[in-house]
Structures are given as C-alpha cells and as structure tokens.
Amino acid sequence: MRYNLNNKRFKLLFLFSAFLFIFNCNPEGGEYVSDYDLVYTNYSPEYDFNKTYTYSLPEGVIKIDGEDDDDPEFIDKVYSDAILSNLKTNLDAMNWTEVDASDSPDIVIVASAFDQSFYYYFPPPGYPGWGWWYPGYIPGYVSGYKTGSILIQMTVPKDATNNEIPVNWICGVNGLLQGSTAYVIDRIDRNLNQAFKQAPFNN
C-alpha cells in the first residue's frame, strides 16, 4: 500500500516548494509545444545517491491549488498514474526497492502538480486620421496560454529534526498544457527521464 498525503508536514513541504518553483514560459519563438518544456533538478551533495535504498510512492499526485484542506485533491488519474509509473521505472532501474509505506522506507517520494493560466489583452490599433479608433469599430482580442508544473521531492523522514523533513533531491518539470492526452504523457515521460539523467544520477 502506498502512503496517503493526509500529513501536514508533507503538505507544507510541497506547498512551500511550489512557490519556489514557478517558471515563466515565453509563448513566442518555439516551433513545437515541447520546445517550451523545462526540467530543473537540484540535490544535496552530502547524500550518497550511489547506494541502494527502499522507497515509497504516494497514492497519487496531489493538486496544488492554494487551499489548505485536510483531504488532498489529486490531479487527473491518467496523468497521476503516468507520473508515478515513470518514477517507479526510473527508481527501480537504480536498483532501489519500492516497499509499503508502513515498512519505514529510506526515501519517501512526494509528488505534486499545479497549473497556471496567462492571458494577454491586445488593444485595437489606432484608426488613421482620427488619432484613435472609433468606439466599437475595431475590437481588441484576448490571447493566452496555460502551463503545467510537476514537482517531485525525495524526502528522508528518518532524518527529520524539529519537525522538518530533509529533501535530498528535487525535480521540477514545466511545460505548455497543449496537445492530446497521449502527447502530454509522452512529454511527461521524456522530461522525467531527462531529470534522472542529470546529476547526481548521471555519475
């Protein structure tokens, strides 16, 4: 059984990290949606990632919406399952072993996600000879885009002090939420795979 997220310590952990991890995507200049995908990782240099560990995955990827609810809300199951499946594949490839949350795993994975919408208003152009346009003659228009962010954290509850849980590795993935479900999942897989190719796992 995977662990549930009804734990305020973990909630505060990924809510705080969510505010630290906000990428701004430029809606111009790329030929493909995937051109805007970003992968960020950081880690504790003191932690030995070359060892093999036991780990536990969450029951789902929690949706960050800024509300402090006791019962967490999860993102769409299709995407949540894809994210957790990818994490398991990459962690198992390092010879780490998934165990039940009740078996005191060495590593507890915290996974969360949120989305942001950006809108722009483009005013109408001036009408030649008038200095400005006649009201109601040329309308402006609104354009925008939506981005999604995934946050993955490797925590070590056994090393918690003063109710603070250390995070030894963090991964942030951000991209435009456009395309079919299959296309979005394919990009999630490619970006998470890229995260596991970066330090410290590429050593």
N, C-alpha and C. Protein backbone atom coordinates (compact mmCIF):
# COMPACT_ATOMS: atom_id res chain seq x y z
N MET A 1 0.83 -1.19 0.00
CA MET A 1 0.00 0.00 0.00
C MET A 1 0.87 1.25 0.00
N ARG A 2 0.54 2.18 -0.86
CA ARG A 2 1.29 3.43 -0.91
C ARG A 2 0.75 4.39 0.14
N TYR A 3 1.58 5.34 0.54
CA TYR A 3 1.18 6.21 1.64
C TYR A 3 0.19 7.26 1.18
N ASN A 4 -0.65 7.74 2.12
CA ASN A 4 -1.57 8.82 1.78
C ASN A 4 -0.94 10.14 2.17
N LEU A 5 -1.51 11.22 1.66
CA LEU A 5 -0.90 12.54 1.84
C LEU A 5 -1.61 13.39 2.88
N ASN A 6 -2.36 12.75 3.75
CA ASN A 6 -3.05 13.50 4.79
C ASN A 6 -2.09 13.76 5.95
N ASN A 7 -1.05 14.51 5.65
CA ASN A 7 0.01 14.80 6.61
C ASN A 7 0.46 16.23 6.41
N LYS A 8 0.25 17.07 7.41
CA LYS A 8 0.52 18.49 7.25
C LYS A 8 1.99 18.78 7.02
N ARG A 9 2.87 17.93 7.54
CA ARG A 9 4.30 18.18 7.32
C ARG A 9 4.63 18.09 5.84
N PHE A 10 4.07 17.07 5.18
CA PHE A 10 4.33 16.92 3.75
C PHE A 10 3.62 18.01 2.96
N LYS A 11 2.43 18.39 3.41
CA LYS A 11 1.70 19.45 2.71
C LYS A 11 2.51 20.74 2.70
N LEU A 12 3.00 21.12 3.86
CA LEU A 12 3.78 22.35 3.95
C LEU A 12 5.03 22.25 3.11
N LEU A 13 5.58 21.05 3.04
CA LEU A 13 6.82 20.84 2.28
C LEU A 13 6.62 21.15 0.82
N PHE A 14 5.60 20.52 0.19
CA PHE A 14 5.48 20.75 -1.24
C PHE A 14 4.76 22.05 -1.56
N LEU A 15 3.95 22.59 -0.66
CA LEU A 15 3.36 23.90 -0.91
C LEU A 15 4.43 24.98 -0.92
N PHE A 16 5.38 24.88 0.01
CA PHE A 16 6.48 25.83 0.03
C PHE A 16 7.32 25.72 -1.23
N SER A 17 7.60 24.48 -1.64
CA SER A 17 8.42 24.27 -2.84
C SER A 17 7.70 24.76 -4.09
N ALA A 18 6.39 24.66 -4.09
CA ALA A 18 5.65 25.10 -5.27
C ALA A 18 5.84 26.58 -5.52
N PHE A 19 5.88 27.37 -4.46
CA PHE A 19 6.08 28.79 -4.63
C PHE A 19 7.51 29.11 -5.04
N LEU A 20 8.45 28.26 -4.70
CA LEU A 20 9.83 28.46 -5.12
C LEU A 20 10.02 28.08 -6.58
N PHE A 21 9.20 27.14 -7.05
CA PHE A 21 9.36 26.64 -8.42
C PHE A 21 8.23 27.16 -9.30
N ILE A 22 8.43 28.33 -9.92
CA ILE A 22 7.48 28.87 -10.88
C ILE A 22 8.26 29.32 -12.10
N PHE A 23 8.05 28.66 -13.23
CA PHE A 23 8.73 29.00 -14.46
C PHE A 23 7.80 29.86 -15.32
N ASN A 24 8.38 30.83 -16.03
CA ASN A 24 7.63 31.62 -16.98
C ASN A 24 7.97 31.17 -18.38
N CYS A 25 6.98 30.67 -19.10
CA CYS A 25 7.19 30.22 -20.47
C CYS A 25 6.88 31.35 -21.44
N ASN A 26 7.75 31.59 -22.39
CA ASN A 26 7.53 32.58 -23.42
C ASN A 26 6.64 31.99 -24.50
N PRO A 27 5.46 32.59 -24.78
CA PRO A 27 4.56 32.00 -25.75
C PRO A 27 4.97 32.23 -27.19
N GLU A 28 6.12 32.85 -27.44
CA GLU A 28 6.55 33.12 -28.80
C GLU A 28 7.93 32.50 -29.04
N GLY A 29 8.19 32.12 -30.28
CA GLY A 29 9.54 31.73 -30.65
C GLY A 29 9.76 30.26 -30.85
N GLY A 30 8.94 29.38 -30.28
CA GLY A 30 9.15 27.96 -30.43
C GLY A 30 8.36 27.39 -31.59
N GLU A 31 8.90 26.38 -32.23
CA GLU A 31 8.20 25.74 -33.34
C GLU A 31 7.25 24.68 -32.85
N TYR A 32 7.62 23.98 -31.76
CA TYR A 32 6.79 22.92 -31.21
C TYR A 32 6.49 23.22 -29.74
N VAL A 33 5.35 22.65 -29.28
CA VAL A 33 4.98 22.83 -27.87
C VAL A 33 6.08 22.33 -26.95
N SER A 34 6.71 21.22 -27.31
CA SER A 34 7.76 20.63 -26.47
C SER A 34 8.99 21.52 -26.36
N ASP A 35 9.11 22.51 -27.27
CA ASP A 35 10.26 23.42 -27.20
C ASP A 35 10.25 24.24 -25.91
N TYR A 36 9.08 24.35 -25.29
CA TYR A 36 8.96 25.16 -24.08
C TYR A 36 9.12 24.34 -22.80
N ASP A 37 9.29 23.04 -22.92
CA ASP A 37 9.44 22.20 -21.73
C ASP A 37 10.74 22.50 -21.01
N LEU A 38 10.66 22.58 -19.69
CA LEU A 38 11.82 22.86 -18.85
C LEU A 38 11.97 21.78 -17.79
N VAL A 39 13.19 21.38 -17.53
CA VAL A 39 13.47 20.38 -16.49
C VAL A 39 14.52 20.95 -15.55
N TYR A 40 14.18 21.00 -14.28
CA TYR A 40 15.11 21.53 -13.26
C TYR A 40 15.31 20.47 -12.18
N THR A 41 16.55 20.26 -11.78
CA THR A 41 16.84 19.36 -10.67
C THR A 41 17.88 19.98 -9.74
N ASN A 42 17.80 19.62 -8.49
CA ASN A 42 18.79 20.05 -7.51
C ASN A 42 18.87 18.96 -6.44
N TYR A 43 20.00 18.90 -5.76
CA TYR A 43 20.19 17.80 -4.81
C TYR A 43 21.19 18.19 -3.73
N SER A 44 21.16 17.40 -2.67
CA SER A 44 22.11 17.58 -1.57
C SER A 44 23.40 16.84 -1.91
N PRO A 45 24.53 17.54 -2.01
CA PRO A 45 25.80 16.88 -2.35
C PRO A 45 26.29 15.95 -1.24
N GLU A 46 25.75 16.09 -0.03
CA GLU A 46 26.19 15.23 1.08
C GLU A 46 25.52 13.86 1.06
N TYR A 47 24.45 13.73 0.29
CA TYR A 47 23.71 12.47 0.29
C TYR A 47 24.29 11.52 -0.75
N ASP A 48 24.47 10.26 -0.36
CA ASP A 48 25.07 9.27 -1.25
C ASP A 48 23.98 8.62 -2.11
N PHE A 49 23.87 9.06 -3.35
CA PHE A 49 22.86 8.52 -4.25
C PHE A 49 23.32 7.24 -4.94
N ASN A 50 24.55 6.84 -4.71
CA ASN A 50 25.06 5.61 -5.32
C ASN A 50 24.65 4.36 -4.54
N LYS A 51 24.18 4.55 -3.33
CA LYS A 51 23.70 3.41 -2.55
C LYS A 51 22.33 2.98 -3.04
N THR A 52 21.90 1.81 -2.62
CA THR A 52 20.55 1.35 -2.94
C THR A 52 19.66 1.60 -1.73
N TYR A 53 18.45 2.04 -2.00
CA TYR A 53 17.53 2.41 -0.93
C TYR A 53 16.17 1.77 -1.16
N THR A 54 15.39 1.75 -0.09
CA THR A 54 13.98 1.42 -0.22
C THR A 54 13.22 2.74 -0.33
N TYR A 55 12.12 2.70 -1.04
CA TYR A 55 11.36 3.94 -1.23
C TYR A 55 9.87 3.65 -1.24
N SER A 56 9.10 4.70 -1.00
CA SER A 56 7.65 4.60 -1.04
C SER A 56 7.10 5.72 -1.91
N LEU A 57 6.13 5.38 -2.74
CA LEU A 57 5.47 6.35 -3.61
C LEU A 57 4.13 6.75 -3.02
N PRO A 58 3.63 7.93 -3.34
CA PRO A 58 2.32 8.34 -2.83
C PRO A 58 1.19 7.63 -3.57
N GLU A 59 -0.01 7.74 -3.04
CA GLU A 59 -1.16 7.12 -3.69
C GLU A 59 -1.59 7.90 -4.92
N GLY A 60 -1.15 9.12 -5.04
CA GLY A 60 -1.50 9.95 -6.19
C GLY A 60 -0.67 11.21 -6.19
N VAL A 61 -0.75 11.94 -7.28
CA VAL A 61 -0.04 13.22 -7.39
C VAL A 61 -1.00 14.32 -6.95
N ILE A 62 -0.65 14.99 -5.88
CA ILE A 62 -1.56 15.95 -5.29
C ILE A 62 -1.63 17.23 -6.12
N LYS A 63 -2.81 17.79 -6.19
CA LYS A 63 -3.03 19.04 -6.93
C LYS A 63 -2.86 20.22 -5.99
N ILE A 64 -1.95 21.10 -6.31
CA ILE A 64 -1.72 22.30 -5.50
C ILE A 64 -2.65 23.40 -6.00
N ASP A 65 -3.55 23.82 -5.13
CA ASP A 65 -4.49 24.87 -5.52
C ASP A 65 -4.52 26.03 -4.54
N GLY A 66 -3.60 26.02 -3.57
CA GLY A 66 -3.53 27.13 -2.62
C GLY A 66 -4.47 26.99 -1.45
N GLU A 67 -5.30 25.95 -1.42
CA GLU A 67 -6.24 25.75 -0.33
C GLU A 67 -5.68 24.74 0.66
N ASP A 68 -5.85 25.04 1.94
CA ASP A 68 -5.32 24.18 3.00
C ASP A 68 -6.41 23.22 3.46
N ASP A 69 -6.64 22.19 2.67
CA ASP A 69 -7.65 21.19 3.01
C ASP A 69 -6.99 19.99 3.69
N ASP A 70 -7.73 19.40 4.62
CA ASP A 70 -7.20 18.21 5.29
C ASP A 70 -7.14 17.02 4.34
N ASP A 71 -8.10 16.94 3.43
CA ASP A 71 -8.12 15.86 2.45
C ASP A 71 -7.60 16.40 1.12
N PRO A 72 -6.45 15.91 0.68
CA PRO A 72 -5.85 16.43 -0.55
C PRO A 72 -6.65 16.07 -1.79
N GLU A 73 -6.57 16.92 -2.79
CA GLU A 73 -7.18 16.65 -4.09
C GLU A 73 -6.07 16.26 -5.05
N PHE A 74 -6.33 15.24 -5.85
CA PHE A 74 -5.32 14.75 -6.78
C PHE A 74 -5.59 15.24 -8.19
N ILE A 75 -4.54 15.28 -8.99
CA ILE A 75 -4.70 15.63 -10.39
C ILE A 75 -5.39 14.47 -11.11
N ASP A 76 -5.73 14.67 -12.37
CA ASP A 76 -6.39 13.64 -13.17
C ASP A 76 -5.63 12.32 -13.06
N LYS A 77 -6.37 11.25 -12.83
CA LYS A 77 -5.76 9.93 -12.60
C LYS A 77 -4.88 9.48 -13.76
N VAL A 78 -5.26 9.84 -14.98
CA VAL A 78 -4.47 9.43 -16.14
C VAL A 78 -3.05 9.98 -16.05
N TYR A 79 -2.94 11.26 -15.69
CA TYR A 79 -1.62 11.88 -15.59
C TYR A 79 -0.91 11.45 -14.31
N SER A 80 -1.67 11.31 -13.23
CA SER A 80 -1.08 10.87 -11.96
C SER A 80 -0.45 9.49 -12.10
N ASP A 81 -1.18 8.58 -12.73
CA ASP A 81 -0.65 7.22 -12.92
C ASP A 81 0.59 7.23 -13.80
N ALA A 82 0.58 8.09 -14.83
CA ALA A 82 1.72 8.16 -15.74
C ALA A 82 2.97 8.66 -15.00
N ILE A 83 2.79 9.65 -14.15
CA ILE A 83 3.92 10.21 -13.39
C ILE A 83 4.48 9.17 -12.43
N LEU A 84 3.59 8.53 -11.67
CA LEU A 84 4.05 7.55 -10.67
C LEU A 84 4.67 6.33 -11.34
N SER A 85 4.13 5.93 -12.48
CA SER A 85 4.70 4.79 -13.21
C SER A 85 6.10 5.11 -13.69
N ASN A 86 6.29 6.33 -14.18
CA ASN A 86 7.62 6.73 -14.63
C ASN A 86 8.61 6.77 -13.48
N LEU A 87 8.18 7.30 -12.34
CA LEU A 87 9.07 7.36 -11.18
C LEU A 87 9.48 5.96 -10.74
N LYS A 88 8.52 5.05 -10.71
CA LYS A 88 8.83 3.67 -10.31
C LYS A 88 9.84 3.05 -11.27
N THR A 89 9.64 3.26 -12.56
CA THR A 89 10.55 2.70 -13.56
C THR A 89 11.97 3.21 -13.37
N ASN A 90 12.11 4.51 -13.17
CA ASN A 90 13.44 5.09 -13.01
C ASN A 90 14.09 4.70 -11.69
N LEU A 91 13.31 4.64 -10.62
CA LEU A 91 13.87 4.27 -9.32
C LEU A 91 14.25 2.79 -9.29
N ASP A 92 13.41 1.96 -9.88
CA ASP A 92 13.74 0.53 -9.95
C ASP A 92 14.99 0.29 -10.79
N ALA A 93 15.18 1.12 -11.81
CA ALA A 93 16.36 0.98 -12.68
C ALA A 93 17.65 1.26 -11.92
N MET A 94 17.55 1.98 -10.80
CA MET A 94 18.73 2.24 -9.96
C MET A 94 18.90 1.18 -8.89
N ASN A 95 18.10 0.10 -9.01
CA ASN A 95 18.11 -1.00 -8.03
C ASN A 95 17.57 -0.58 -6.67
N TRP A 96 16.76 0.47 -6.66
CA TRP A 96 16.04 0.82 -5.45
C TRP A 96 14.79 -0.05 -5.38
N THR A 97 14.27 -0.25 -4.19
CA THR A 97 13.15 -1.17 -4.00
C THR A 97 11.95 -0.46 -3.39
N GLU A 98 10.81 -0.57 -4.07
CA GLU A 98 9.59 0.01 -3.51
C GLU A 98 9.07 -0.88 -2.40
N VAL A 99 8.72 -0.27 -1.28
CA VAL A 99 8.17 -1.01 -0.15
C VAL A 99 6.91 -0.32 0.32
N ASP A 100 6.18 -1.02 1.16
CA ASP A 100 4.98 -0.45 1.75
C ASP A 100 5.34 0.74 2.63
N ALA A 101 4.46 1.71 2.66
CA ALA A 101 4.72 2.90 3.46
C ALA A 101 4.87 2.58 4.94
N SER A 102 4.25 1.49 5.38
CA SER A 102 4.33 1.10 6.79
C SER A 102 5.65 0.41 7.14
N ASP A 103 6.48 0.15 6.13
CA ASP A 103 7.75 -0.54 6.35
C ASP A 103 8.93 0.40 6.54
N SER A 104 8.65 1.64 6.87
CA SER A 104 9.69 2.65 7.13
C SER A 104 10.72 2.74 6.00
N PRO A 105 10.29 3.16 4.82
CA PRO A 105 11.22 3.26 3.69
C PRO A 105 12.31 4.31 3.94
N ASP A 106 13.45 4.11 3.30
CA ASP A 106 14.53 5.10 3.42
C ASP A 106 14.12 6.43 2.79
N ILE A 107 13.44 6.34 1.66
CA ILE A 107 13.06 7.52 0.89
C ILE A 107 11.54 7.55 0.74
N VAL A 108 10.95 8.71 0.97
CA VAL A 108 9.53 8.90 0.69
C VAL A 108 9.43 9.93 -0.43
N ILE A 109 8.80 9.53 -1.53
CA ILE A 109 8.65 10.42 -2.67
C ILE A 109 7.39 11.26 -2.49
N VAL A 110 7.53 12.55 -2.65
CA VAL A 110 6.40 13.48 -2.60
C VAL A 110 6.20 14.03 -4.00
N ALA A 111 5.02 13.85 -4.56
CA ALA A 111 4.73 14.30 -5.92
C ALA A 111 3.53 15.24 -5.91
N SER A 112 3.67 16.36 -6.56
CA SER A 112 2.59 17.34 -6.63
C SER A 112 2.62 18.04 -7.97
N ALA A 113 1.55 18.75 -8.29
CA ALA A 113 1.47 19.44 -9.57
C ALA A 113 0.50 20.61 -9.47
N PHE A 114 0.69 21.57 -10.33
CA PHE A 114 -0.24 22.69 -10.41
C PHE A 114 -0.18 23.29 -11.81
N ASP A 115 -1.19 24.07 -12.15
CA ASP A 115 -1.20 24.71 -13.45
C ASP A 115 -1.47 26.20 -13.28
N GLN A 116 -1.07 26.95 -14.29
CA GLN A 116 -1.24 28.40 -14.29
C GLN A 116 -1.72 28.83 -15.67
N SER A 117 -2.62 29.82 -15.68
CA SER A 117 -3.10 30.38 -16.94
C SER A 117 -2.62 31.81 -17.07
N PHE A 118 -2.18 32.17 -18.26
CA PHE A 118 -1.70 33.51 -18.54
C PHE A 118 -2.52 34.09 -19.69
N TYR A 119 -3.04 35.30 -19.49
CA TYR A 119 -3.86 35.94 -20.51
C TYR A 119 -3.30 37.32 -20.84
N TYR A 120 -3.43 37.68 -22.12
CA TYR A 120 -2.97 38.98 -22.58
C TYR A 120 -4.08 39.65 -23.38
N TYR A 121 -4.26 40.94 -23.15
CA TYR A 121 -5.24 41.70 -23.93
C TYR A 121 -4.50 42.57 -24.93
N PHE A 122 -4.87 42.45 -26.18
CA PHE A 122 -4.26 43.25 -27.24
C PHE A 122 -5.27 44.30 -27.68
N PRO A 123 -5.01 45.58 -27.39
CA PRO A 123 -5.94 46.64 -27.76
C PRO A 123 -5.99 46.81 -29.27
N PRO A 124 -7.07 47.38 -29.78
CA PRO A 124 -7.18 47.60 -31.22
C PRO A 124 -6.21 48.68 -31.69
N PRO A 125 -5.82 48.65 -32.95
CA PRO A 125 -4.92 49.68 -33.47
C PRO A 125 -5.64 51.00 -33.66
N GLY A 126 -4.89 52.08 -33.72
CA GLY A 126 -5.49 53.40 -33.97
C GLY A 126 -6.03 53.49 -35.38
N TYR A 127 -7.09 54.25 -35.55
CA TYR A 127 -7.69 54.42 -36.88
C TYR A 127 -7.05 55.61 -37.56
N PRO A 128 -6.46 55.45 -38.77
CA PRO A 128 -5.73 56.53 -39.45
C PRO A 128 -6.58 57.80 -39.58
N GLY A 129 -5.99 58.92 -39.19
CA GLY A 129 -6.67 60.19 -39.33
C GLY A 129 -7.45 60.62 -38.11
N TRP A 130 -7.75 59.71 -37.21
CA TRP A 130 -8.53 60.03 -36.02
C TRP A 130 -7.65 60.13 -34.77
N GLY A 131 -6.47 59.55 -34.82
CA GLY A 131 -5.62 59.56 -33.64
C GLY A 131 -5.96 58.40 -32.71
N TRP A 132 -7.14 57.87 -32.85
CA TRP A 132 -7.58 56.69 -32.09
C TRP A 132 -8.77 56.10 -32.82
N TRP A 133 -9.18 54.94 -32.42
CA TRP A 133 -10.26 54.27 -33.15
C TRP A 133 -11.62 54.70 -32.64
N TYR A 134 -12.57 54.60 -33.52
CA TYR A 134 -13.95 54.93 -33.16
C TYR A 134 -14.52 53.80 -32.30
N PRO A 135 -15.15 54.13 -31.15
CA PRO A 135 -15.65 53.10 -30.23
C PRO A 135 -16.52 52.06 -30.94
N GLY A 136 -16.18 50.80 -30.75
CA GLY A 136 -16.96 49.73 -31.33
C GLY A 136 -16.59 49.37 -32.74
N TYR A 137 -15.63 50.08 -33.32
CA TYR A 137 -15.30 49.83 -34.73
C TYR A 137 -14.33 48.67 -34.90
N ILE A 138 -13.18 48.71 -34.18
CA ILE A 138 -12.20 47.63 -34.28
C ILE A 138 -11.99 47.04 -32.88
N PRO A 139 -12.45 45.84 -32.63
CA PRO A 139 -12.31 45.26 -31.29
C PRO A 139 -10.89 44.77 -31.02
N GLY A 140 -10.53 44.75 -29.76
CA GLY A 140 -9.28 44.12 -29.36
C GLY A 140 -9.51 42.63 -29.21
N TYR A 141 -8.50 41.92 -28.78
CA TYR A 141 -8.69 40.49 -28.58
C TYR A 141 -7.82 40.01 -27.43
N VAL A 142 -8.21 38.87 -26.86
CA VAL A 142 -7.51 38.27 -25.73
C VAL A 142 -6.84 36.98 -26.19
N SER A 143 -5.60 36.81 -25.81
CA SER A 143 -4.88 35.58 -26.11
C SER A 143 -4.22 35.09 -24.82
N GLY A 144 -3.85 33.85 -24.79
CA GLY A 144 -3.21 33.33 -23.58
C GLY A 144 -2.72 31.91 -23.76
N TYR A 145 -2.17 31.38 -22.70
CA TYR A 145 -1.68 30.01 -22.72
C TYR A 145 -1.70 29.47 -21.30
N LYS A 146 -1.61 28.16 -21.18
CA LYS A 146 -1.67 27.50 -19.88
C LYS A 146 -0.46 26.61 -19.71
N THR A 147 0.15 26.68 -18.55
CA THR A 147 1.31 25.84 -18.27
C THR A 147 1.01 24.90 -17.11
N GLY A 148 1.70 23.79 -17.10
CA GLY A 148 1.59 22.84 -16.01
C GLY A 148 2.96 22.56 -15.41
N SER A 149 3.01 22.39 -14.12
CA SER A 149 4.27 22.12 -13.43
C SER A 149 4.14 20.88 -12.55
N ILE A 150 5.18 20.06 -12.58
CA ILE A 150 5.24 18.86 -11.74
C ILE A 150 6.41 19.01 -10.78
N LEU A 151 6.18 18.71 -9.53
CA LEU A 151 7.23 18.78 -8.50
C LEU A 151 7.43 17.40 -7.88
N ILE A 152 8.64 16.92 -7.93
CA ILE A 152 8.98 15.63 -7.32
C ILE A 152 10.06 15.88 -6.27
N GLN A 153 9.85 15.36 -5.06
CA GLN A 153 10.82 15.53 -3.99
C GLN A 153 11.14 14.19 -3.34
N MET A 154 12.42 13.97 -3.12
CA MET A 154 12.87 12.80 -2.37
C MET A 154 13.14 13.24 -0.94
N THR A 155 12.33 12.76 -0.03
CA THR A 155 12.46 13.15 1.36
C THR A 155 12.97 11.98 2.20
N VAL A 156 13.58 12.32 3.32
CA VAL A 156 14.12 11.30 4.23
C VAL A 156 13.52 11.52 5.62
N PRO A 157 12.32 10.98 5.86
CA PRO A 157 11.65 11.19 7.14
C PRO A 157 12.46 10.73 8.35
N LYS A 158 13.30 9.71 8.17
CA LYS A 158 14.10 9.20 9.29
C LYS A 158 15.06 10.25 9.83
N ASP A 159 15.44 11.19 8.96
CA ASP A 159 16.41 12.23 9.36
C ASP A 159 15.73 13.53 9.78
N ALA A 160 14.43 13.48 10.00
CA ALA A 160 13.70 14.69 10.37
C ALA A 160 14.14 15.20 11.73
N THR A 161 14.31 16.52 11.83
CA THR A 161 14.64 17.17 13.10
C THR A 161 13.75 18.38 13.27
N ASN A 162 13.28 18.59 14.49
CA ASN A 162 12.41 19.73 14.79
C ASN A 162 11.23 19.79 13.83
N ASN A 163 10.68 18.63 13.53
CA ASN A 163 9.52 18.52 12.65
C ASN A 163 9.80 18.98 11.22
N GLU A 164 11.07 19.03 10.84
CA GLU A 164 11.45 19.41 9.49
C GLU A 164 12.01 18.18 8.77
N ILE A 165 11.45 17.89 7.61
CA ILE A 165 11.87 16.72 6.84
C ILE A 165 12.86 17.16 5.76
N PRO A 166 14.06 16.60 5.76
CA PRO A 166 15.04 17.00 4.74
C PRO A 166 14.65 16.51 3.35
N VAL A 167 14.92 17.34 2.36
CA VAL A 167 14.70 17.00 0.96
C VAL A 167 16.07 16.87 0.31
N ASN A 168 16.41 15.68 -0.16
CA ASN A 168 17.74 15.45 -0.72
C ASN A 168 17.79 15.58 -2.24
N TRP A 169 16.62 15.57 -2.88
CA TRP A 169 16.58 15.75 -4.34
C TRP A 169 15.24 16.34 -4.71
N ILE A 170 15.27 17.28 -5.64
CA ILE A 170 14.02 17.88 -6.11
C ILE A 170 14.07 17.98 -7.62
N CYS A 171 12.95 17.74 -8.23
CA CYS A 171 12.82 17.84 -9.68
C CYS A 171 11.60 18.70 -10.00
N GLY A 172 11.76 19.61 -10.92
CA GLY A 172 10.66 20.44 -11.39
C GLY A 172 10.56 20.34 -12.90
N VAL A 173 9.37 20.07 -13.38
CA VAL A 173 9.11 20.00 -14.82
C VAL A 173 8.00 20.98 -15.15
N ASN A 174 8.21 21.77 -16.20
CA ASN A 174 7.20 22.75 -16.58
C ASN A 174 7.04 22.75 -18.09
N GLY A 175 5.81 22.91 -18.56
CA GLY A 175 5.57 22.97 -20.00
C GLY A 175 4.17 23.46 -20.31
N LEU A 176 3.93 23.75 -21.57
CA LEU A 176 2.62 24.19 -22.01
C LEU A 176 1.65 23.01 -21.99
N LEU A 177 0.43 23.27 -21.50
CA LEU A 177 -0.59 22.22 -21.47
C LEU A 177 -1.38 22.26 -22.77
N GLN A 178 -0.78 21.73 -23.80
CA GLN A 178 -1.42 21.68 -25.12
C GLN A 178 -1.16 20.32 -25.74
N GLY A 179 -2.11 19.90 -26.59
CA GLY A 179 -1.96 18.62 -27.26
C GLY A 179 -2.84 17.56 -26.65
N SER A 180 -2.83 16.39 -27.27
CA SER A 180 -3.65 15.28 -26.81
C SER A 180 -3.12 14.72 -25.49
N THR A 181 -3.94 13.91 -24.84
CA THR A 181 -3.52 13.27 -23.59
C THR A 181 -2.27 12.43 -23.81
N ALA A 182 -2.25 11.67 -24.90
CA ALA A 182 -1.09 10.83 -25.20
C ALA A 182 0.16 11.66 -25.41
N TYR A 183 0.00 12.81 -26.06
CA TYR A 183 1.15 13.69 -26.32
C TYR A 183 1.69 14.28 -25.02
N VAL A 184 0.78 14.70 -24.14
CA VAL A 184 1.20 15.26 -22.85
C VAL A 184 1.92 14.20 -22.02
N ILE A 185 1.39 12.99 -21.99
CA ILE A 185 2.02 11.90 -21.24
C ILE A 185 3.39 11.57 -21.80
N ASP A 186 3.52 11.59 -23.13
CA ASP A 186 4.82 11.33 -23.75
C ASP A 186 5.84 12.37 -23.32
N ARG A 187 5.42 13.63 -23.25
CA ARG A 187 6.34 14.69 -22.81
C ARG A 187 6.68 14.55 -21.33
N ILE A 188 5.70 14.14 -20.53
CA ILE A 188 5.97 13.90 -19.11
C ILE A 188 7.05 12.83 -18.96
N ASP A 189 6.90 11.75 -19.71
CA ASP A 189 7.88 10.66 -19.64
C ASP A 189 9.27 11.13 -20.06
N ARG A 190 9.34 11.85 -21.16
CA ARG A 190 10.65 12.30 -21.66
C ARG A 190 11.31 13.27 -20.69
N ASN A 191 10.52 14.14 -20.09
CA ASN A 191 11.10 15.13 -19.18
C ASN A 191 11.52 14.51 -17.85
N LEU A 192 10.73 13.58 -17.33
CA LEU A 192 11.13 12.91 -16.09
C LEU A 192 12.34 12.01 -16.34
N ASN A 193 12.39 11.37 -17.50
CA ASN A 193 13.58 10.58 -17.83
C ASN A 193 14.82 11.46 -17.90
N GLN A 194 14.64 12.66 -18.44
CA GLN A 194 15.76 13.60 -18.51
C GLN A 194 16.23 13.98 -17.11
N ALA A 195 15.28 14.16 -16.19
CA ALA A 195 15.64 14.52 -14.82
C ALA A 195 16.53 13.46 -14.18
N PHE A 196 16.27 12.20 -14.49
CA PHE A 196 17.08 11.12 -13.91
C PHE A 196 18.39 10.90 -14.66
N LYS A 197 18.58 11.63 -15.75
CA LYS A 197 19.86 11.58 -16.46
C LYS A 197 20.81 12.67 -15.97
N GLN A 198 20.27 13.61 -15.20
CA GLN A 198 21.07 14.72 -14.69
C GLN A 198 21.67 14.35 -13.35
N ALA A 199 22.63 15.16 -12.91
CA ALA A 199 23.27 14.92 -11.61
C ALA A 199 22.20 14.87 -10.52
N PRO A 200 22.37 14.00 -9.53
CA PRO A 200 23.53 13.16 -9.24
C PRO A 200 23.45 11.75 -9.85
N PHE A 201 22.37 11.47 -10.61
CA PHE A 201 22.16 10.11 -11.08
C PHE A 201 23.00 9.77 -12.31
N ASN A 202 23.62 10.77 -12.90
CA ASN A 202 24.45 10.51 -14.08
C ASN A 202 25.89 10.20 -13.72
N ASN A 203 26.18 10.12 -12.42
CA ASN A 203 27.56 9.85 -12.00
C ASN A 203 27.92 8.38 -12.22
